[in-house]
């Protein structure tokens, strides 16, 4: 099974650094993706905001990003703590090719 998301997005919000009970740093983010694509022969404009989270070492580079800047993000989808909806767990930043 594969659970991998690669997304070019704009950083629109970043929460304060917090820590897990195990002492790992956590950053909660909001990302905005905008693109156009072909779907069933029709040109479609996509605009979506997604909740994202970085845990551990990735929080350092995520913490240095400027609000409003666009980057490539990669990671996986997981459940939110309340069990409703999903959160994008960012594990890589700008270190891959987005095509």
Protein backbone atom coordinates (compact mmCIF):
# COMPACT_ATOMS: atom_id res chain seq x y z
CA UNK A 1 0.00 0.00 0.00
CA UNK A 2 1.16 3.49 -0.79
CA UNK A 3 0.40 6.65 1.17
CA UNK A 4 2.52 9.45 -0.28
CA UNK A 5 1.56 13.00 -1.13
CA UNK A 6 3.74 15.42 -3.11
CA UNK A 7 2.39 18.94 -3.36
CA UNK A 8 3.53 22.38 -4.41
CA UNK A 9 1.84 24.80 -2.04
CA UNK A 10 2.01 28.20 -0.39
CA UNK A 11 2.56 28.42 3.36
CA UNK A 12 -0.37 30.50 4.62
CA UNK A 13 -0.23 29.84 8.36
CA UNK A 14 2.20 28.40 10.90
CA UNK A 15 1.36 27.70 14.53
CA UNK A 16 3.78 28.03 17.43
CA UNK A 17 6.33 25.30 18.05
CA UNK A 18 5.03 22.73 20.51
CA UNK A 19 6.38 19.41 21.78
CA UNK A 20 5.04 15.87 22.04
CA UNK A 21 5.13 14.10 25.43
CA UNK A 22 8.26 12.36 24.10
CA UNK A 23 9.90 15.76 23.52
CA UNK A 24 9.67 15.88 19.71
CA UNK A 25 9.06 19.34 18.19
CA UNK A 26 5.80 19.79 16.27
CA UNK A 27 4.72 22.55 13.86
CA UNK A 28 1.16 22.82 12.58
CA UNK A 29 0.78 24.50 9.19
CA UNK A 30 -1.87 25.53 6.71
CA UNK A 31 -0.96 25.13 3.05
CA UNK A 32 -2.75 26.44 -0.04
CA UNK A 33 -2.44 24.72 -3.40
CA UNK A 34 -3.62 26.24 -6.69
CA UNK A 35 -3.32 24.62 -10.10
CA UNK A 36 -5.06 23.85 -13.37
CA UNK A 37 -5.39 20.36 -14.77
CA UNK A 38 -7.29 18.37 -17.35
CA UNK A 39 -9.98 16.07 -15.99
CA UNK A 40 -12.28 14.11 -18.32
CA UNK A 41 -11.28 16.40 -21.18
CA UNK A 42 -12.14 19.54 -19.24
CA UNK A 43 -9.73 22.16 -17.94
CA UNK A 44 -10.23 22.42 -14.18
CA UNK A 45 -8.99 25.03 -11.71
CA UNK A 46 -8.08 23.56 -8.32
CA UNK A 47 -7.78 25.62 -5.13
CA UNK A 48 -7.48 23.76 -1.84
CA UNK A 49 -6.27 24.52 1.68
CA UNK A 50 -4.89 21.61 3.67
CA UNK A 51 -3.83 21.21 7.28
CA UNK A 52 -0.25 20.00 7.56
CA UNK A 53 2.11 19.01 10.37
CA UNK A 54 5.85 18.58 10.70
CA UNK A 55 7.27 16.45 13.52
CA UNK A 56 10.92 16.09 14.50
CA UNK A 57 13.85 17.29 12.39
CA UNK A 58 11.67 18.72 9.59
CA UNK A 59 10.39 21.42 11.97
CA UNK A 60 13.67 23.37 11.67
CA UNK A 61 13.44 24.03 7.90
CA UNK A 62 9.65 24.47 8.11
CA UNK A 63 10.12 27.07 10.82
CA UNK A 64 12.42 29.12 8.55
CA UNK A 65 9.92 29.37 5.67
CA UNK A 66 8.39 32.77 5.05
CA UNK A 67 4.63 33.04 5.22
CA UNK A 68 3.29 33.40 1.69
CA UNK A 69 6.22 31.53 0.12
CA UNK A 70 5.66 28.52 -2.16
CA UNK A 71 7.55 25.26 -1.83
CA UNK A 72 7.44 21.59 -2.65
CA UNK A 73 6.23 19.43 0.25
CA UNK A 74 6.16 15.64 0.48
CA UNK A 75 4.90 13.24 3.11
CA UNK A 76 1.85 11.17 3.95
CA UNK A 77 -1.78 11.57 5.02
CA UNK A 78 -2.92 10.63 8.52
CA UNK A 79 -5.97 11.18 10.71
CA UNK A 80 -6.43 14.30 12.77
CA UNK A 81 -6.30 13.85 16.51
CA UNK A 82 -10.08 14.10 16.81
CA UNK A 83 -10.49 11.38 14.17
CA UNK A 84 -12.32 13.70 11.75
CA UNK A 85 -10.55 14.62 8.55
CA UNK A 86 -6.94 14.23 7.52
CA UNK A 87 -3.66 16.00 8.10
CA UNK A 88 -0.70 16.07 5.71
CA UNK A 89 2.39 14.94 7.63
CA UNK A 90 5.30 16.73 5.94
CA UNK A 91 8.50 14.68 5.92
CA UNK A 92 10.40 16.36 3.05
CA UNK A 93 10.76 19.93 1.84
CA UNK A 94 11.95 21.04 -1.62
CA UNK A 95 14.28 18.01 -1.84
CA UNK A 96 12.49 16.28 -4.70
CA UNK A 97 11.29 17.00 -8.21
CA UNK A 98 7.73 18.23 -8.56
CA UNK A 99 6.54 17.63 -12.09
